[in-house]
Structure formats: C-alpha cells, structure tokens
PDB file of N, CA and C in Angstrom:
ATOM      1  N   MET A   1     125.317 132.893 110.254  1.00  0.00           N
ATOM      2  CA  MET A   1     123.942 133.458 110.798  1.00  0.00           C
ATOM      3  C   MET A   1     124.244 133.132 111.996  1.00  0.00           C
ATOM      4  N   ASN A   2     123.986 134.740 112.809  1.00  0.00           N
ATOM      5  CA  ASN A   2     124.100 134.346 114.184  1.00  0.00           C
ATOM      6  C   ASN A   2     122.491 135.115 115.115  1.00  0.00           C
ATOM      7  N   ASP A   3     122.370 134.890 116.054  1.00  0.00           N
ATOM      8  CA  ASP A   3     121.482 134.428 116.781  1.00  0.00           C
ATOM      9  C   ASP A   3     120.333 135.731 116.667  1.00  0.00           C
ATOM     10  N   LEU A   4     121.029 136.885 116.552  1.00  0.00           N
ATOM     11  CA  LEU A   4     119.926 138.012 116.320  1.00  0.00           C
ATOM     12  C   LEU A   4     119.172 137.907 115.149  1.00  0.00           C
ATOM     13  N   GLN A   5     119.966 137.993 113.686  1.00  0.00           N
ATOM     14  CA  GLN A   5     119.811 137.557 112.597  1.00  0.00           C
ATOM     15  C   GLN A   5     118.580 136.499 112.528  1.00  0.00           C
ATOM     16  N   THR A   6     118.585 135.599 113.129  1.00  0.00           N
ATOM     17  CA  THR A   6     118.187 134.170 113.387  1.00  0.00           C
ATOM     18  C   THR A   6     116.303 134.727 113.768  1.00  0.00           C
ATOM     19  N   GLU A   7     116.214 135.138 114.942  1.00  0.00           N
ATOM     20  CA  GLU A   7     115.746 136.035 115.276  1.00  0.00           C
ATOM     21  C   GLU A   7     115.047 136.822 114.874  1.00  0.00           C
ATOM     22  N   THR A   8     114.921 137.745 114.223  1.00  0.00           N
ATOM     23  CA  THR A   8     115.126 138.944 113.182  1.00  0.00           C
ATOM     24  C   THR A   8     113.550 138.491 112.659  1.00  0.00           C
ATOM     25  N   LEU A   9     114.498 137.025 111.486  1.00  0.00           N
ATOM     26  CA  LEU A   9     113.579 136.248 110.097  1.00  0.00           C
ATOM     27  C   LEU A   9     113.072 135.677 111.082  1.00  0.00           C
ATOM     28  N   HIS A  10     112.748 134.688 111.505  1.00  0.00           N
ATOM     29  CA  HIS A  10     111.959 133.864 112.626  1.00  0.00           C
ATOM     30  C   HIS A  10     110.376 135.047 112.541  1.00  0.00           C
ATOM     31  N   ARG A  11     110.419 135.903 113.024  1.00  0.00           N
ATOM     32  CA  ARG A  11     109.425 137.208 113.769  1.00  0.00           C
ATOM     33  C   ARG A  11     109.271 137.792 112.710  1.00  0.00           C
ATOM     34  N   ILE A  12     110.203 138.522 111.160  1.00  0.00           N
ATOM     35  CA  ILE A  12     109.305 138.049 109.243  1.00  0.00           C
ATOM     36  C   ILE A  12     108.415 137.659 108.665  1.00  0.00           C
ATOM     37  N   ILE A  13     108.912 136.617 109.109  1.00  0.00           N
ATOM     38  CA  ILE A  13     108.064 135.385 107.963  1.00  0.00           C
ATOM     39  C   ILE A  13     106.578 134.977 108.682  1.00  0.00           C
ATOM     40  N   GLY A  14     106.367 134.810 107.681  1.00  0.00           N
ATOM     41  CA  GLY A  14     104.683 134.794 107.609  1.00  0.00           C
ATOM     42  C   GLY A  14     104.829 132.968 107.668  1.00  0.00           C
ATOM     43  N   ARG A  15     103.494 132.169 108.070  1.00  0.00           N
ATOM     44  CA  ARG A  15     103.716 131.122 107.595  1.00  0.00           C
ATOM     45  C   ARG A  15     102.854 130.363 106.499  1.00  0.00           C
ATOM     46  N   THR A  16     101.956 131.007 106.754  1.00  0.00           N
ATOM     47  CA  THR A  16     100.558 130.754 105.302  1.00  0.00           C
ATOM     48  C   THR A  16     101.419 131.292 104.202  1.00  0.00           C
ATOM     49  N   MET A  17      99.784 131.760 103.280  1.00  0.00           N
ATOM     50  CA  MET A  17     100.633 131.559 102.153  1.00  0.00           C
ATOM     51  C   MET A  17      99.293 132.709 101.453  1.00  0.00           C
ATOM     52  N   ASN A  18      98.662 133.091 102.428  1.00  0.00           N
ATOM     53  CA  ASN A  18      98.346 134.214 102.730  1.00  0.00           C
ATOM     54  C   ASN A  18      98.602 136.165 101.742  1.00  0.00           C
ATOM     55  N   ILE A  19      98.570 136.655 101.387  1.00  0.00           N
ATOM     56  CA  ILE A  19      98.949 137.428 100.146  1.00  0.00           C
ATOM     57  C   ILE A  19     100.293 138.468 101.335  1.00  0.00           C
ATOM     58  N   VAL A  20      99.165 139.254 102.417  1.00  0.00           N
ATOM     59  CA  VAL A  20      99.958 139.904 103.639  1.00  0.00           C
ATOM     60  C   VAL A  20     101.484 138.653 104.250  1.00  0.00           C
ATOM     61  N   ASP A  21     101.623 137.127 103.614  1.00  0.00           N
ATOM     62  CA  ASP A  21     102.583 136.482 104.269  1.00  0.00           C
ATOM     63  C   ASP A  21     103.408 135.900 103.447  1.00  0.00           C
ATOM     64  N   GLN A  22     102.435 136.349 102.456  1.00  0.00           N
ATOM     65  CA  GLN A  22     104.170 136.052 101.035  1.00  0.00           C
ATOM     66  C   GLN A  22     104.856 137.801 100.751  1.00  0.00           C
ATOM     67  N   HIS A  23     104.332 138.895 101.344  1.00  0.00           N
ATOM     68  CA  HIS A  23     104.755 140.026 101.386  1.00  0.00           C
ATOM     69  C   HIS A  23     105.743 140.135 102.806  1.00  0.00           C
ATOM     70  N   LYS A  24     105.348 139.235 103.000  1.00  0.00           N
ATOM     71  CA  LYS A  24     106.756 139.089 104.740  1.00  0.00           C
ATOM     72  C   LYS A  24     107.274 138.315 104.031  1.00  0.00           C
ATOM     73  N   CYS A  25     107.550 136.851 103.664  1.00  0.00           N
ATOM     74  CA  CYS A  25     107.705 136.275 102.827  1.00  0.00           C
ATOM     75  C   CYS A  25     109.495 137.293 102.027  1.00  0.00           C
ATOM     76  N   LEU A  26     108.688 138.046 101.839  1.00  0.00           N
ATOM     77  CA  LEU A  26     109.392 138.873 100.200  1.00  0.00           C
ATOM     78  C   LEU A  26     110.579 139.319 101.253  1.00  0.00           C
ATOM     79  N   ALA A  27     109.685 140.361 102.261  1.00  0.00           N
ATOM     80  CA  ALA A  27     111.187 141.118 103.524  1.00  0.00           C
ATOM     81  C   ALA A  27     111.734 140.878 103.759  1.00  0.00           C
ATOM     82  N   ALA A  28     111.607 139.099 104.114  1.00  0.00           N
ATOM     83  CA  ALA A  28     112.227 138.680 105.147  1.00  0.00           C
ATOM     84  C   ALA A  28     114.115 137.970 103.867  1.00  0.00           C
ATOM     85  N   LEU A  29     113.241 137.907 102.705  1.00  0.00           N
ATOM     86  CA  LEU A  29     114.299 137.789 102.090  1.00  0.00           C
ATOM     87  C   LEU A  29     115.130 138.980 101.472  1.00  0.00           C
ATOM     88  N   ALA A  30     114.676 139.966 101.615  1.00  0.00           N
ATOM     89  CA  ALA A  30     115.304 141.083 101.195  1.00  0.00           C
ATOM     90  C   ALA A  30     116.924 141.458 102.349  1.00  0.00           C
ATOM     91  N   TYR A  31     116.078 141.573 103.303  1.00  0.00           N
ATOM     92  CA  TYR A  31     117.084 141.590 103.817  1.00  0.00           C
ATOM     93  C   TYR A  31     117.914 140.418 104.473  1.00  0.00           C
ATOM     94  N   ALA A  32     117.809 139.046 103.816  1.00  0.00           N
ATOM     95  CA  ALA A  32     118.711 137.976 104.350  1.00  0.00           C
ATOM     96  C   ALA A  32     120.079 138.378 102.887  1.00  0.00           C
ATOM     97  N   ARG A  33     118.677 138.846 101.640  1.00  0.00           N
ATOM     98  CA  ARG A  33     119.970 139.436 100.660  1.00  0.00           C
ATOM     99  C   ARG A  33     120.646 140.194 101.417  1.00  0.00           C
ATOM    100  N   GLN A  34     120.059 141.312 102.129  1.00  0.00           N
ATOM    101  CA  GLN A  34     121.619 142.325 102.208  1.00  0.00           C
ATOM    102  C   GLN A  34     123.108 141.657 103.651  1.00  0.00           C
ATOM    103  N   TYR A  35     123.056 140.498 103.719  1.00  0.00           N
ATOM    104  CA  TYR A  35     123.789 140.200 104.766  1.00  0.00           C
ATOM    105  C   TYR A  35     124.609 138.324 103.924  1.00  0.00           C
ATOM    106  N   ASP A  36     123.553 138.150 103.021  1.00  0.00           N
ATOM    107  CA  ASP A  36     124.545 136.752 102.669  1.00  0.00           C
ATOM    108  C   ASP A  36     123.886 135.499 103.458  1.00  0.00           C
ATOM    109  N   ILE A  37     122.039 135.568 103.604  1.00  0.00           N
ATOM    110  CA  ILE A  37     122.312 134.542 104.248  1.00  0.00           C
ATOM    111  C   ILE A  37     120.945 133.939 103.108  1.00  0.00           C
ATOM    112  N   GLU A  38     120.020 133.981 101.935  1.00  0.00           N
ATOM    113  CA  GLU A  38     119.918 134.501 101.585  1.00  0.00           C
ATOM    114  C   GLU A  38     119.357 132.453 101.304  1.00  0.00           C
ATOM    115  N   ALA A  39     119.675 131.882 101.838  1.00  0.00           N
ATOM    116  CA  ALA A  39     120.032 130.141 101.444  1.00  0.00           C
ATOM    117  C   ALA A  39     119.412 129.723 102.828  1.00  0.00           C
ATOM    118  N   GLU A  40     119.270 129.949 103.938  1.00  0.00           N
ATOM    119  CA  GLU A  40     119.263 129.776 105.385  1.00  0.00           C
ATOM    120  C   GLU A  40     118.152 130.215 105.338  1.00  0.00           C
ATOM    121  N   CYS A  41     117.806 131.592 104.712  1.00  0.00           N
ATOM    122  CA  CYS A  41     116.106 132.478 105.238  1.00  0.00           C
ATOM    123  C   CYS A  41     115.462 131.536 104.239  1.00  0.00           C
ATOM    124  N   ARG A  42     115.891 131.133 102.915  1.00  0.00           N
ATOM    125  CA  ARG A  42     114.386 130.463 102.364  1.00  0.00           C
ATOM    126  C   ARG A  42     114.221 128.984 102.679  1.00  0.00           C
ATOM    127  N   GLN A  43     115.448 128.272 103.893  1.00  0.00           N
ATOM    128  CA  GLN A  43     114.859 127.381 104.554  1.00  0.00           C
ATOM    129  C   GLN A  43     114.123 127.530 105.380  1.00  0.00           C
ATOM    130  N   MET A  44     114.756 128.505 106.654  1.00  0.00           N
ATOM    131  CA  MET A  44     113.380 128.919 107.357  1.00  0.00           C
ATOM    132  C   MET A  44     111.967 128.615 107.001  1.00  0.00           C
ATOM    133  N   ILE A  45     111.536 129.735 105.901  1.00  0.00           N
ATOM    134  CA  ILE A  45     110.528 129.589 105.209  1.00  0.00           C
ATOM    135  C   ILE A  45     109.712 128.547 104.653  1.00  0.00           C
ATOM    136  N   LEU A  46     110.926 127.734 104.176  1.00  0.00           N
ATOM    137  CA  LEU A  46     110.365 126.691 103.721  1.00  0.00           C
ATOM    138  C   LEU A  46     109.607 125.648 104.932  1.00  0.00           C
ATOM    139  N   ALA A  47     110.596 126.057 106.031  1.00  0.00           N
ATOM    140  CA  ALA A  47     110.132 125.157 107.280  1.00  0.00           C
ATOM    141  C   ALA A  47     109.369 126.334 107.772  1.00  0.00           C
ATOM    142  N   ALA A  48     108.738 126.860 108.172  1.00  0.00           N
ATOM    143  CA  ALA A  48     107.830 127.497 108.574  1.00  0.00           C
ATOM    144  C   ALA A  48     106.404 127.220 108.025  1.00  0.00           C
ATOM    145  N   ARG A  49     106.178 126.913 106.314  1.00  0.00           N
ATOM    146  CA  ARG A  49     104.969 126.458 105.581  1.00  0.00           C
ATOM    147  C   ARG A  49     104.342 125.898 105.845  1.00  0.00           C
ATOM    148  N   LEU A  50     105.802 124.388 106.383  1.00  0.00           N
ATOM    149  CA  LEU A  50     105.394 123.702 106.659  1.00  0.00           C
ATOM    150  C   LEU A  50     104.693 123.135 107.764  1.00  0.00           C
ATOM    151  N   SER A  51     105.371 123.542 108.878  1.00  0.00           N
ATOM    152  CA  SER A  51     104.933 123.583 109.873  1.00  0.00           C
ATOM    153  C   SER A  51     103.439 124.287 110.039  1.00  0.00           C
ATOM    154  N   TRP A  52     103.362 125.161 109.727  1.00  0.00           N
ATOM    155  CA  TRP A  52     101.830 125.669 109.565  1.00  0.00           C
ATOM    156  C   TRP A  52     100.774 124.636 108.484  1.00  0.00           C
ATOM    157  N   LEU A  53     101.467 123.891 107.193  1.00  0.00           N
ATOM    158  CA  LEU A  53     100.999 122.655 106.582  1.00  0.00           C
ATOM    159  C   LEU A  53     100.408 121.629 107.471  1.00  0.00           C
ATOM    160  N   THR A  54     101.566 121.408 108.363  1.00  0.00           N
ATOM    161  CA  THR A  54     101.177 120.000 109.733  1.00  0.00           C
ATOM    162  C   THR A  54     100.006 120.383 109.774  1.00  0.00           C
ATOM    163  N   TRP A  55     100.290 121.768 110.631  1.00  0.00           N
ATOM    164  CA  TRP A  55      99.357 121.723 111.987  1.00  0.00           C
ATOM    165  C   TRP A  55      97.953 122.429 111.014  1.00  0.00           C
ATOM    166  N   HIS A  56      97.358 122.755 110.183  1.00  0.00           N
ATOM    167  CA  HIS A  56      96.408 123.092 109.415  1.00  0.00           C
ATOM    168  C   HIS A  56      95.809 121.390 108.742  1.00  0.00           C
ATOM    169  N   THR A  57      97.100 120.775 108.633  1.00  0.00           N
ATOM    170  CA  THR A  57      95.922 118.581 108.385  1.00  0.00           C
ATOM    171  C   THR A  57      96.195 118.860 109.349  1.00  0.00           C
ATOM    172  N   LEU A  58      96.473 118.611 110.955  1.00  0.00           N
ATOM    173  CA  LEU A  58      96.277 117.599 111.838  1.00  0.00           C
ATOM    174  C   LEU A  58      94.771 118.542 111.925  1.00  0.00           C
ATOM    175  N   ALA A  59      95.012 119.797 112.367  1.00  0.00           N
ATOM    176  CA  ALA A  59      93.118 120.436 112.807  1.00  0.00           C
ATOM    177  C   ALA A  59      92.536 120.040 111.964  1.00  0.00           C
ATOM    178  N   GLN A  60      92.038 119.966 111.282  1.00  0.00           N
ATOM    179  CA  GLN A  60      91.412 119.204 109.661  1.00  0.00           C
ATOM    180  C   GLN A  60      90.811 117.711 110.259  1.00  0.00           C
ATOM    181  N   ARG A  61      91.936 117.144 110.299  1.00  0.00           N
ATOM    182  CA  ARG A  61      90.964 115.643 111.371  1.00  0.00           C
ATOM    183  C   ARG A  61      91.061 115.494 112.338  1.00  0.00           C
ATOM    184  N   LYS A  62      91.137 116.530 113.635  1.00  0.00           N
ATOM    185  CA  LYS A  62      91.119 116.385 114.497  1.00  0.00           C
ATOM    186  C   LYS A  62      89.028 116.550 114.215  1.00  0.00           C
ATOM    187  N   TRP A  63      88.829 117.988 113.812  1.00  0.00           N
ATOM    188  CA  TRP A  63      87.717 117.832 113.596  1.00  0.00           C
ATOM    189  C   TRP A  63      86.646 117.171 112.990  1.00  0.00           C
ATOM    190  N   GLN A  64      87.694 116.050 111.747  1.00  0.00           N
ATOM    191  CA  GLN A  64      86.487 115.618 111.345  1.00  0.00           C
ATOM    192  C   GLN A  64      86.328 113.640 112.204  1.00  0.00           C
ATOM    193  N   ILE A  65      87.170 113.826 112.472  1.00  0.00           N
ATOM    194  CA  ILE A  65      86.965 113.200 113.913  1.00  0.00           C
ATOM    195  C   ILE A  65      86.183 112.699 114.784  1.00  0.00           C
ATOM    196  N   GLU A  66      85.992 114.418 115.733  1.00  0.00           N
ATOM    197  CA  GLU A  66      84.831 114.678 116.796  1.00  0.00           C
ATOM    198  C   GLU A  66      83.985 115.187 116.067  1.00  0.00           C
ATOM    199  N   ASN A  67      83.316 115.065 115.044  1.00  0.00           N
ATOM    200  CA  ASN A  67      82.546 115.428 113.571  1.00  0.00           C
ATOM    201  C   ASN A  67      81.562 113.913 113.486  1.00  0.00           C
ATOM    202  N   THR A  68      80.623 113.787 113.653  1.00  0.00           N
ATOM    203  CA  THR A  68      80.002 112.578 113.207  1.00  0.00           C
ATOM    204  C   THR A  68      79.499 112.750 111.000  1.00  0.00           C
ATOM    205  N   ARG A  69      80.097 110.820 110.953  1.00  0.00           N
ATOM    206  CA  ARG A  69      79.120 110.746 109.857  1.00  0.00           C
ATOM    207  C   ARG A  69      78.118 110.386 109.160  1.00  0.00           C
ATOM    208  N   ASN A  70      77.624 109.910 110.571  1.00  0.00           N
ATOM    209  CA  ASN A  70      76.054 109.626 110.287  1.00  0.00           C
ATOM    210  C   ASN A  70      75.135 110.649 110.387  1.00  0.00           C
ATOM    211  N   PRO A  71      74.236 110.487 109.235  1.00  0.00           N
ATOM    212  CA  PRO A  71      73.492 111.959 108.283  1.00  0.00           C
ATOM    213  C   PRO A  71      73.199 112.728 109.184  1.00  0.00           C
ATOM    214  N   ASN A  72      71.599 111.127 110.097  1.00  0.00           N
ATOM    215  CA  ASN A  72      71.127 112.009 111.999  1.00  0.00           C
ATOM    216  C   ASN A  72      71.219 111.887 112.972  1.00  0.00           C
ATOM    217  N   LYS A  73      72.621 112.163 112.959  1.00  0.00           N
ATOM    218  CA  LYS A  73      73.650 112.545 114.603  1.00  0.00           C
ATOM    219  C   LYS A  73      74.606 114.070 113.843  1.00  0.00           C
ATOM    220  N   ALA A  74      74.058 114.240 113.010  1.00  0.00           N
ATOM    221  CA  ALA A  74      74.990 116.045 112.033  1.00  0.00           C
ATOM    222  C   ALA A  74      74.091 116.704 112.787  1.00  0.00           C
ATOM    223  N   ARG A  75      74.857 117.400 112.941  1.00  0.00           N
ATOM    224  CA  ARG A  75      74.262 119.251 113.188  1.00  0.00           C
ATOM    225  C   ARG A  75      73.414 119.500 112.313  1.00  0.00           C
ATOM    226  N   HIS A  76      72.705 120.507 112.802  1.00  0.00           N
ATOM    227  CA  HIS A  76      72.225 121.716 111.339  1.00  0.00           C
ATOM    228  C   HIS A  76      73.448 121.944 110.193  1.00  0.00           C
ATOM    229  N   HIS A  77      74.258 122.470 111.422  1.00  0.00           N
ATOM    230  CA  HIS A  77      74.975 123.253 109.941  1.00  0.00           C
ATOM    231  C   HIS A  77      76.082 122.782 109.719  1.00  0.00           C
ATOM    232  N   ASP A  78      76.039 121.324 110.187  1.00  0.00           N
ATOM    233  CA  ASP A  78      77.883 120.364 109.708  1.00  0.00           C
ATOM    234  C   ASP A  78      77.743 119.921 108.976  1.00  0.00           C
ATOM    235  N   SER A  79      77.904 120.354 107.570  1.00  0.00           N
ATOM    236  CA  SER A  79      77.898 119.298 106.245  1.00  0.00           C
ATOM    237  C   SER A  79      78.781 118.439 106.357  1.00  0.00           C
ATOM    238  N   ILE A  80      78.636 117.106 106.107  1.00  0.00           N
ATOM    239  CA  ILE A  80      79.433 116.217 105.996  1.00  0.00           C
ATOM    240  C   ILE A  80      80.129 115.872 104.555  1.00  0.00           C
ATOM    241  N   ALA A  81      79.476 116.895 102.981  1.00  0.00           N
ATOM    242  CA  ALA A  81      79.977 115.692 101.757  1.00  0.00           C
ATOM    243  C   ALA A  81      81.052 117.210 101.605  1.00  0.00           C
ATOM    244  N   LEU A  82      80.575 118.632 102.588  1.00  0.00           N
ATOM    245  CA  LEU A  82      81.713 119.831 102.570  1.00  0.00           C
ATOM    246  C   LEU A  82      83.032 118.851 103.058  1.00  0.00           C
ATOM    247  N   ARG A  83      82.565 118.839 104.852  1.00  0.00           N
ATOM    248  CA  ARG A  83      84.072 118.098 105.331  1.00  0.00           C
ATOM    249  C   ARG A  83      84.637 117.151 105.060  1.00  0.00           C
ATOM    250  N   GLU A  84      84.233 116.264 103.994  1.00  0.00           N
ATOM    251  CA  GLU A  84      85.108 115.383 103.635  1.00  0.00           C
ATOM    252  C   GLU A  84      86.117 115.444 101.748  1.00  0.00           C
ATOM    253  N   LYS A  85      85.596 116.631 101.542  1.00  0.00           N
ATOM    254  CA  LYS A  85      85.693 117.205 100.693  1.00  0.00           C
ATOM    255  C   LYS A  85      87.489 118.351 100.418  1.00  0.00           C
ATOM    256  N   TYR A  86      87.748 118.998 102.220  1.00  0.00           N
ATOM    257  CA  TYR A  86      88.807 119.451 102.473  1.00  0.00           C
ATOM    258  C   TYR A  86      89.315 118.567 103.515  1.00  0.00           C
ATOM    259  N   VAL A  87      88.915 117.449 103.676  1.00  0.00           N
ATOM    260  CA  VAL A  87      89.853 116.859 104.914  1.00  0.00           C
ATOM    261  C   VAL A  87      91.009 116.456 104.058  1.00  0.00           C
ATOM    262  N   ARG A  88      92.350 115.797 104.508  1.00  0.00           N
ATOM    263  CA  ARG A  88      92.702 116.101 103.677  1.00  0.00           C
ATOM    264  C   ARG A  88      92.907 114.456 104.517  1.00  0.00           C
ATOM    265  N   CYS A  89      93.749 113.355 103.572  1.00  0.00           N
ATOM    266  CA  CYS A  89      93.350 111.457 104.475  1.00  0.00           C
ATOM    267  C   CYS A  89      94.846 111.357 103.962  1.00  0.00           C
TER     268      CYS A  89
END
C-alpha cells in the first residue's frame, strides 16, 4: 500500500460507530477491495475505532474526576448516579 492509498483511507475511515461512520468504513473497504488492500484497511478501521474508544474513555474519566461525588457540592444539573453509570472504570 502506497502513501496515497494510506492517506485516502485515513480520510475516508470514520472513527465512531454511528451510521455515517459505518457507511464511510464500508466505502473505505470497497475502495480497498479494488486495490487488494482490504486486510490493511480493516486494520486501519480497527485502529481508528480503538483510538476513538480510548479518547472517549479518557474523556469520561476526566469528567468524573473534575466533578464531585458529594451530592451537597454537585451542581444542580449534575447527576452523580448517571455519571457513575456511564463512566468506564
């Protein structure tokens, strides 16, 4: 796989699992099949999703650290139970 193909795939591949990014990944796989680089494309998709998941997890942890668990100090819109439910440990 040359540099042009690598850059093209990086620009096409979506990082999240939303419907738009899923279709972008399908388009990247279709492009990769034309040039017989499908295995490399799959690895790029998995790496992109892993990097997004890592960023998302770290952002959640940062959000959890910056906010308090003490209900007396919590902001009125800050749901401690909701935050604890969604933050990965």
